[in-house]
Amino acid sequence: MMELKDKELWLELYEVAEKIQELEPWKYLREMDLLVYLSEPLNEVLYCSVMGHEGMYKSIAIYQEEQIHGFLELEKGQYPNQQLINYQECITCNFLSRQETLPKNREIIKELGLSFRGIWISFENFEKGYEPSPININQVKIMIEALKNFYMMFRLIIKEGAKIDFENGKTLERRYDKKKKLFFNYLVPLILPEKHFNTIETGLEFEENIMKLPQTEMELEYEFLNYVPIRIKNNKEQDGRYYYPIARFLAERKSGFAISHKLIDKNDYKSKNDYILESAGFLVDYFYKVGRPRSIYVRDEETKMYLKDILDKAKIKIVVSPKLKVIDEFYRYLERMGI
């Protein structure tokens, strides 16, 4: 049973969502028309994106800080469908049919005593490595604040005719002025948070040893940070969410040969850092067996940056490619097999 204070928050969230539904923002805004809210209570920048302009399912996605980079990567349209789960991190307010609404969200709606006909309102959490799930009570609070301020920004657009040159990198930004104790909206250039990546550092001894190895004409593909959307019965958190296995995959691009592929449970390692170090060590061990490849293809900048120092010292070219020819074909094979 839901606690009374939590139920009140949920009902407040549904109230603001219904007000937004009445305004139908998807008729006016496209996905890339981002509205920005600088949240004083959360000390975060929230990016609001409206989906549904092109006739697809209608939703408002809220991205917190660096999550926006994954959205912008996906908007380039370069990633295979099975990789979307690895770059979409946000919480959403959905306006869907009953059939498209998560069963657990239908239970929440029933417990709140709400009912819908045709279009159902629900809220989902998209987190890397997990199946989509209902939002938790902390995310309810974030969504209330985000949607209330989105509503005020959107009213400024349709009621007062605010013109925003989204195509030329402009946005509407909303923030609270402590001194004046008022909210203000500004037409400003869209500013994105910096990307933060880590790198595995190596020393002079590593460089001297690795350069003794012969260089081959091989072109490798390597992936070890992304998840495969396969539900495994025992991969379940205490809160009921299912998590996906991590894929560690090494392949030779020219021949199409899969050198190594393994699905890994995140709980097999004490930390993400331990897993990344082992994955880097796995790659270096392969070099010592067969020599240094001419180049290595990785899917994204994060993977590149983890390996950059190692590959720079080994004089191996790094290529970032959202599509990995051999690895993606293996994933398509899994889909055909129904795995």
Protein backbone atom coordinates (compact mmCIF):
# COMPACT_ATOMS: atom_id res chain seq x y z
CA MET A 1 0.00 0.00 0.00
CA MET A 2 1.15 3.51 -0.85
CA GLU A 3 1.74 5.89 2.07
CA LEU A 4 -0.59 8.90 2.24
CA LYS A 5 2.20 11.47 1.69
CA ASP A 6 3.41 9.53 -1.37
CA LYS A 7 -0.12 9.27 -2.73
CA GLU A 8 -0.53 13.04 -2.40
CA LEU A 9 2.68 13.58 -4.40
CA TRP A 10 1.54 11.18 -7.12
CA LEU A 11 -1.82 12.95 -7.39
CA GLU A 12 -0.07 16.32 -7.63
CA LEU A 13 2.06 14.93 -10.45
CA TYR A 14 -0.97 13.65 -12.32
CA GLU A 15 -2.69 17.00 -11.91
CA VAL A 16 0.12 18.92 -13.64
CA ALA A 17 0.44 16.21 -16.32
CA GLU A 18 -3.25 16.56 -17.17
CA LYS A 19 -2.85 20.34 -17.49
CA ILE A 20 0.02 19.79 -19.94
CA GLN A 21 -2.02 17.25 -21.89
CA GLU A 22 -4.72 19.89 -22.45
CA LEU A 23 -2.13 22.17 -24.12
CA GLU A 24 -0.89 19.40 -26.47
CA PRO A 25 2.74 20.60 -26.68
CA TRP A 26 3.61 17.93 -29.30
CA LYS A 27 1.63 19.96 -31.83
CA TYR A 28 4.08 22.85 -31.43
CA LEU A 29 7.46 21.41 -30.38
CA ARG A 30 9.76 18.78 -31.88
CA GLU A 31 12.12 16.50 -29.95
CA MET A 32 15.14 18.75 -30.53
CA ASP A 33 13.28 21.88 -29.38
CA LEU A 34 14.74 21.71 -25.88
CA LEU A 35 13.45 23.86 -23.03
CA VAL A 36 15.81 24.33 -20.09
CA TYR A 37 15.01 24.72 -16.40
CA LEU A 38 17.69 25.57 -13.84
CA SER A 39 16.41 23.95 -10.68
CA GLU A 40 17.41 25.72 -7.48
CA PRO A 41 16.14 22.99 -5.09
CA LEU A 42 17.84 20.19 -7.05
CA ASN A 43 20.92 22.24 -7.96
CA GLU A 44 20.62 20.74 -11.44
CA VAL A 45 19.93 21.72 -15.01
CA LEU A 46 16.91 19.90 -16.45
CA TYR A 47 16.36 19.60 -20.20
CA CYS A 48 12.80 19.04 -21.44
CA SER A 49 12.10 17.35 -24.77
CA VAL A 50 8.64 16.78 -26.27
CA MET A 51 8.01 13.67 -28.39
CA GLY A 52 5.05 13.05 -30.65
CA HIS A 53 5.19 15.80 -33.29
CA GLU A 54 5.77 13.26 -36.05
CA GLY A 55 2.83 11.12 -34.96
CA MET A 56 4.81 8.71 -32.77
CA TYR A 57 3.85 8.11 -29.14
CA LYS A 58 3.45 11.29 -27.13
CA SER A 59 5.79 11.89 -24.23
CA ILE A 60 7.77 14.54 -22.37
CA ALA A 61 11.30 13.46 -21.45
CA ILE A 62 13.27 15.09 -18.63
CA TYR A 63 17.07 14.79 -18.84
CA GLN A 64 19.21 15.63 -15.82
CA GLU A 65 22.54 17.31 -16.51
CA GLU A 66 24.86 15.03 -18.55
CA GLN A 67 22.02 12.68 -19.52
CA ILE A 68 21.31 15.11 -22.35
CA HIS A 69 24.42 13.92 -24.21
CA GLY A 70 22.95 10.44 -24.69
CA PHE A 71 19.79 11.98 -26.14
CA LEU A 72 21.80 14.10 -28.58
CA GLU A 73 23.80 11.04 -29.65
CA LEU A 74 20.62 9.12 -30.39
CA GLU A 75 19.19 12.04 -32.35
CA LYS A 76 22.01 11.59 -34.87
CA GLY A 77 20.29 8.32 -35.83
CA GLN A 78 23.54 6.36 -36.17
CA TYR A 79 23.09 3.71 -33.48
CA PRO A 80 21.50 0.29 -34.16
CA ASN A 81 18.12 -0.24 -32.49
CA GLN A 82 19.44 -2.74 -29.93
CA GLN A 83 21.86 -0.08 -28.66
CA LEU A 84 19.23 2.55 -27.84
CA ILE A 85 18.92 1.30 -24.25
CA ASN A 86 22.56 2.23 -23.67
CA TYR A 87 22.17 5.91 -24.48
CA GLN A 88 18.64 6.86 -23.41
CA GLU A 89 18.68 7.90 -19.74
CA CYS A 90 15.79 10.04 -18.58
CA ILE A 91 12.42 10.06 -16.84
CA THR A 92 9.33 10.47 -19.01
CA CYS A 93 5.71 11.54 -18.76
CA ASN A 94 3.85 9.36 -21.27
CA PHE A 95 0.51 9.78 -22.99
CA LEU A 96 -0.13 6.29 -24.37
CA SER A 97 -2.80 3.67 -24.89
CA ARG A 98 -3.60 1.24 -22.10
CA GLN A 99 -1.76 -1.53 -23.95
CA GLU A 100 1.42 0.57 -24.21
CA THR A 101 1.35 1.46 -20.50
CA LEU A 102 3.56 -0.67 -18.24
CA PRO A 103 1.50 -3.14 -16.14
CA LYS A 104 3.09 -1.77 -12.96
CA ASN A 105 2.06 1.74 -13.97
CA ARG A 106 -1.51 0.53 -14.48
CA GLU A 107 -1.39 -0.76 -10.89
CA ILE A 108 -0.23 2.65 -9.63
CA ILE A 109 -3.05 4.36 -11.52
CA LYS A 110 -5.57 1.95 -9.98
CA GLU A 111 -4.22 2.50 -6.45
CA LEU A 112 -4.50 6.27 -6.93
CA GLY A 113 -8.16 5.86 -7.85
CA LEU A 114 -7.64 7.39 -11.29
CA SER A 115 -9.15 6.24 -14.56
CA PHE A 116 -8.49 7.05 -18.20
CA ARG A 117 -10.23 6.46 -21.48
CA GLY A 118 -8.24 6.20 -24.67
CA ILE A 119 -5.02 7.92 -23.59
CA TRP A 120 -3.42 6.87 -20.30
CA ILE A 121 -0.91 9.05 -18.46
CA SER A 122 2.04 7.25 -16.90
CA PHE A 123 5.68 7.85 -15.92
CA GLU A 124 8.77 5.78 -16.72
CA ASN A 125 12.40 5.65 -15.72
CA PHE A 126 15.02 4.85 -18.36
CA GLU A 127 18.35 3.94 -16.79
CA LYS A 128 21.29 2.36 -18.56
CA GLY A 129 21.47 -1.35 -17.84
CA TYR A 130 17.83 -1.71 -16.73
CA GLU A 131 14.47 -2.45 -18.25
CA PRO A 132 12.15 0.59 -18.34
CA SER A 133 10.36 0.85 -14.99
CA PRO A 134 7.93 3.10 -13.08
CA ILE A 135 9.56 6.12 -11.47
CA ASN A 136 10.29 6.03 -7.74
CA ILE A 137 9.06 8.59 -5.22
CA ASN A 138 12.22 10.73 -5.47
CA GLN A 139 11.74 10.88 -9.23
CA VAL A 140 8.10 11.82 -8.66
CA LYS A 141 9.34 14.92 -6.84
CA ILE A 142 11.77 15.73 -9.66
CA MET A 143 9.04 15.25 -12.25
CA ILE A 144 6.60 17.51 -10.37
CA GLU A 145 9.10 20.36 -10.34
CA ALA A 146 10.20 19.76 -13.94
CA LEU A 147 6.67 19.57 -15.37
CA LYS A 148 5.37 22.56 -13.41
CA ASN A 149 8.13 24.70 -14.86
CA PHE A 150 7.81 23.16 -18.31
CA TYR A 151 4.14 24.09 -18.20
CA MET A 152 4.97 27.72 -17.43
CA MET A 153 7.58 27.89 -20.20
CA PHE A 154 5.28 26.32 -22.74
CA ARG A 155 2.43 28.70 -21.83
CA LEU A 156 4.84 31.55 -22.58
CA ILE A 157 5.30 30.11 -26.07
CA ILE A 158 1.65 29.56 -26.99
CA LYS A 159 -0.11 32.21 -24.91
CA GLU A 160 2.35 35.08 -25.26
CA GLY A 161 3.88 34.13 -28.60
CA ALA A 162 7.50 33.78 -27.49
CA LYS A 163 9.60 33.07 -30.60
CA ILE A 164 12.52 30.70 -30.09
CA ASP A 165 15.01 30.03 -32.89
CA PHE A 166 15.64 26.39 -31.95
CA GLU A 167 17.22 25.56 -35.31
CA ASN A 168 20.00 28.07 -34.67
CA GLY A 169 20.85 26.79 -31.21
CA LYS A 170 18.57 28.96 -29.09
CA THR A 171 16.35 27.91 -26.20
CA LEU A 172 14.01 29.21 -23.53
CA GLU A 173 15.66 29.02 -20.11
CA ARG A 174 13.80 29.38 -16.79
CA ARG A 175 15.40 30.11 -13.45
CA TYR A 176 14.53 31.47 -10.00
CA ASP A 177 15.95 34.80 -8.84
CA LYS A 178 16.59 34.59 -5.09
CA LYS A 179 16.85 38.34 -4.60
CA LYS A 180 13.64 39.20 -6.42
CA LYS A 181 11.93 35.98 -5.34
CA LEU A 182 10.53 35.49 -8.82
CA PHE A 183 10.95 33.10 -11.75
CA PHE A 184 12.35 34.58 -14.95
CA ASN A 185 12.45 33.21 -18.49
CA TYR A 186 15.26 34.05 -20.89
CA LEU A 187 15.83 33.52 -24.62
CA VAL A 188 19.44 32.33 -24.66
CA PRO A 189 21.86 30.08 -26.61
CA LEU A 190 21.54 26.43 -25.61
CA ILE A 191 24.46 25.56 -23.32
CA LEU A 192 25.30 21.92 -22.66
CA PRO A 193 27.22 20.47 -19.70
CA GLU A 194 30.78 19.29 -20.25
CA LYS A 195 31.37 15.62 -20.93
CA HIS A 196 33.46 13.87 -18.30
CA PHE A 197 35.41 10.77 -19.31
CA ASN A 198 38.04 8.75 -17.48
CA THR A 199 41.22 7.30 -18.97
CA ILE A 200 43.28 4.28 -17.90
CA GLU A 201 46.79 5.63 -17.46
CA THR A 202 49.87 3.55 -18.26
CA GLY A 203 53.58 4.20 -17.71
CA LEU A 204 56.83 4.22 -19.70
CA GLU A 205 57.50 0.53 -18.97
CA PHE A 206 54.18 -0.43 -20.57
CA GLU A 207 55.00 1.61 -23.67
CA GLU A 208 58.45 0.04 -24.01
CA ASN A 209 57.04 -3.50 -23.67
CA ILE A 210 54.01 -3.07 -25.92
CA MET A 211 56.10 -1.55 -28.72
CA LYS A 212 58.25 -4.70 -28.82
CA LEU A 213 55.25 -6.56 -30.22
CA PRO A 214 54.88 -6.87 -33.99
CA GLN A 215 52.12 -4.87 -35.65
CA THR A 216 49.61 -6.83 -37.70
CA GLU A 217 47.11 -5.77 -40.38
CA MET A 218 44.16 -6.73 -38.17
CA GLU A 219 41.27 -4.35 -37.54
CA LEU A 220 39.51 -5.15 -34.27
CA GLU A 221 36.10 -4.20 -32.87
CA TYR A 222 35.85 -4.04 -29.10
CA GLU A 223 32.85 -3.40 -26.88
CA PHE A 224 32.68 -3.79 -23.12
CA LEU A 225 30.57 -0.94 -21.66
CA ASN A 226 27.15 -1.64 -23.14
CA TYR A 227 24.31 -3.92 -22.11
CA VAL A 228 22.29 -6.46 -24.10
CA PRO A 229 18.48 -6.24 -23.65
CA ILE A 230 18.02 -9.83 -22.52
CA ARG A 231 15.90 -10.57 -19.44
CA ILE A 232 17.59 -13.15 -17.21
CA LYS A 233 15.34 -14.55 -14.48
CA ASN A 234 17.75 -14.06 -11.59
CA ASN A 235 18.94 -10.60 -12.67
CA LYS A 236 16.51 -8.75 -10.46
CA GLU A 237 17.04 -5.95 -7.94
CA GLN A 238 15.28 -5.77 -4.57
CA ASP A 239 12.99 -3.07 -5.95
CA GLY A 240 11.77 -5.50 -8.61
CA ARG A 241 13.66 -4.01 -11.55
CA TYR A 242 15.36 -6.37 -13.99
CA TYR A 243 18.90 -5.51 -15.05
CA TYR A 244 20.62 -6.53 -18.26
CA PRO A 245 23.93 -8.38 -18.71
CA ILE A 246 26.98 -6.47 -19.95
CA ALA A 247 28.41 -7.55 -23.30
CA ARG A 248 32.17 -7.92 -23.69
CA PHE A 249 32.85 -8.61 -27.33
CA LEU A 250 36.07 -8.71 -29.36
CA ALA A 251 35.93 -9.32 -33.13
CA GLU A 252 38.14 -9.02 -36.21
CA ARG A 253 36.52 -6.62 -38.65
CA LYS A 254 38.04 -7.78 -41.98
CA SER A 255 37.37 -11.50 -41.58
CA GLY A 256 34.13 -11.12 -39.62
CA PHE A 257 35.51 -13.50 -37.00
CA ALA A 258 34.21 -13.27 -33.42
CA ILE A 259 37.29 -13.70 -31.25
CA SER A 260 35.54 -13.58 -27.87
CA HIS A 261 32.03 -12.83 -26.67
CA LYS A 262 30.72 -13.04 -23.13
CA LEU A 263 27.69 -11.83 -21.19
CA ILE A 264 28.68 -10.56 -17.77
CA ASP A 265 26.65 -9.97 -14.61
CA LYS A 266 27.45 -6.57 -13.10
CA ASN A 267 27.47 -8.14 -9.64
CA ASP A 268 30.49 -10.27 -10.56
CA TYR A 269 32.68 -7.21 -9.89
CA LYS A 270 33.15 -5.02 -6.84
CA SER A 271 32.91 -1.88 -8.95
CA LYS A 272 32.59 -0.60 -12.49
CA ASN A 273 36.23 0.49 -12.29
CA ASP A 274 37.39 -3.07 -11.51
CA TYR A 275 35.44 -4.40 -14.48
CA ILE A 276 36.85 -1.75 -16.84
CA LEU A 277 40.41 -2.44 -15.74
CA GLU A 278 39.91 -6.17 -16.33
CA SER A 279 38.39 -5.48 -19.76
CA ALA A 280 41.37 -3.31 -20.71
CA GLY A 281 43.71 -6.04 -19.45
CA PHE A 282 41.85 -8.61 -21.55
CA LEU A 283 42.53 -6.52 -24.66
CA VAL A 284 46.23 -6.03 -23.83
CA ASP A 285 46.62 -9.78 -23.18
CA TYR A 286 45.27 -10.42 -26.68
CA PHE A 287 47.90 -8.07 -28.11
CA TYR A 288 50.61 -10.13 -26.43
CA LYS A 289 49.21 -13.29 -28.03
CA VAL A 290 48.87 -12.09 -31.63
CA GLY A 291 50.53 -8.67 -31.89
CA ARG A 292 49.31 -5.10 -32.14
CA PRO A 293 46.40 -4.55 -34.55
CA ARG A 294 46.45 -1.74 -37.08
CA SER A 295 43.26 -0.21 -35.68
CA ILE A 296 40.48 -0.73 -33.15
CA TYR A 297 36.85 0.31 -33.66
CA VAL A 298 34.81 1.28 -30.58
CA ARG A 299 31.20 2.43 -30.37
CA ASP A 300 31.46 5.73 -28.50
CA GLU A 301 33.70 8.41 -27.01
CA GLU A 302 33.52 6.98 -23.50
CA THR A 303 35.00 3.66 -24.63
CA LYS A 304 37.62 5.49 -26.66
CA MET A 305 38.72 7.60 -23.70
CA TYR A 306 39.12 4.61 -21.38
CA LEU A 307 41.46 2.96 -23.90
CA LYS A 308 43.10 6.06 -25.37
CA ASP A 309 46.34 6.05 -23.36
CA ILE A 310 46.85 2.31 -23.93
CA LEU A 311 46.23 2.51 -27.67
CA ASP A 312 48.19 5.73 -28.15
CA LYS A 313 51.26 4.18 -26.55
CA ALA A 314 50.80 1.04 -28.65
CA LYS A 315 50.52 3.18 -31.83
CA ILE A 316 47.09 1.70 -32.61
CA LYS A 317 44.54 3.85 -34.41
CA ILE A 318 41.23 4.35 -32.55
CA VAL A 319 38.07 4.75 -34.63
CA VAL A 320 34.73 5.73 -33.05
CA SER A 321 31.88 4.10 -34.97
CA PRO A 322 28.30 3.87 -33.59
CA LYS A 323 27.83 0.85 -35.85
CA LEU A 324 30.22 -2.08 -35.36
CA LYS A 325 29.89 -4.36 -38.39
CA VAL A 326 30.74 -7.74 -36.90
CA ILE A 327 29.39 -7.20 -33.38
CA ASP A 328 26.08 -5.79 -34.63
CA GLU A 329 25.60 -8.73 -36.97
CA PHE A 330 26.02 -11.06 -33.98
CA TYR A 331 23.33 -9.10 -32.10
CA ARG A 332 21.01 -9.40 -35.12
CA TYR A 333 21.65 -13.14 -35.08
CA LEU A 334 20.58 -13.26 -31.41
CA GLU A 335 17.38 -11.38 -32.31
CA ARG A 336 16.60 -13.80 -35.14
CA MET A 337 17.09 -16.69 -32.73
CA GLY A 338 14.69 -15.04 -30.29
CA ILE A 339 17.35 -14.66 -27.60
